Amino acid sequence: MKIALAALALVLALPQSDAPKPAAVVDNGEFMDIFLKSSYADLQDAMAKPPADRRAWATIYQRAIRVAELQNLLFFRDRPEVNDPRWPAAAAGTRQAAADLANAALFGLRNIDKADYDGVRKKYVALADACNVCHRAFAREAPTIKP
């Protein structure tokens, strides 16, 4: 046990490598325009009417989960706001809202007889609201997101 602790202490004392880290490639405005705007528009299309079949439920799920994953990229944007404690909270809020929507759609996909479009629609509105919280806090010139 003492040898293991000593070995661990030696490893921790070694200089940390310059391991690659995630980094923004485009500025935040471009990121929103190129990735999130088009992904959200795809989700809007999928949510325009109640899903008629499993394929439509799958489309809602896929588009919502894509938006959720894209929210992860907001955590390391190259802008001063990232250091504001509200930034990670807002990014996490939008990610969770999109994930909640995706999970509700997945339930509908897997349980077509118990599918609840009204419940999914509420999650969709919650996602738009979460996006707008961030826009109001950090980008007043950003559009108001509509469900």
Foldseek 3Di string as FASTA:
>chain_A
DVVVVVVVVVVVPDDDDPDDDDADPDAPVVLCVPQVVVLVVQLCVLLVDDDPALVSLVSNLVSLLSNLVSLVVQCHHPDPCNPPVVSVVLSVQLSVLSVVLNVLSVCCNVCVVPRDSVVSVVSVQSNLVSVVVCCVVPPVVDDRDDD
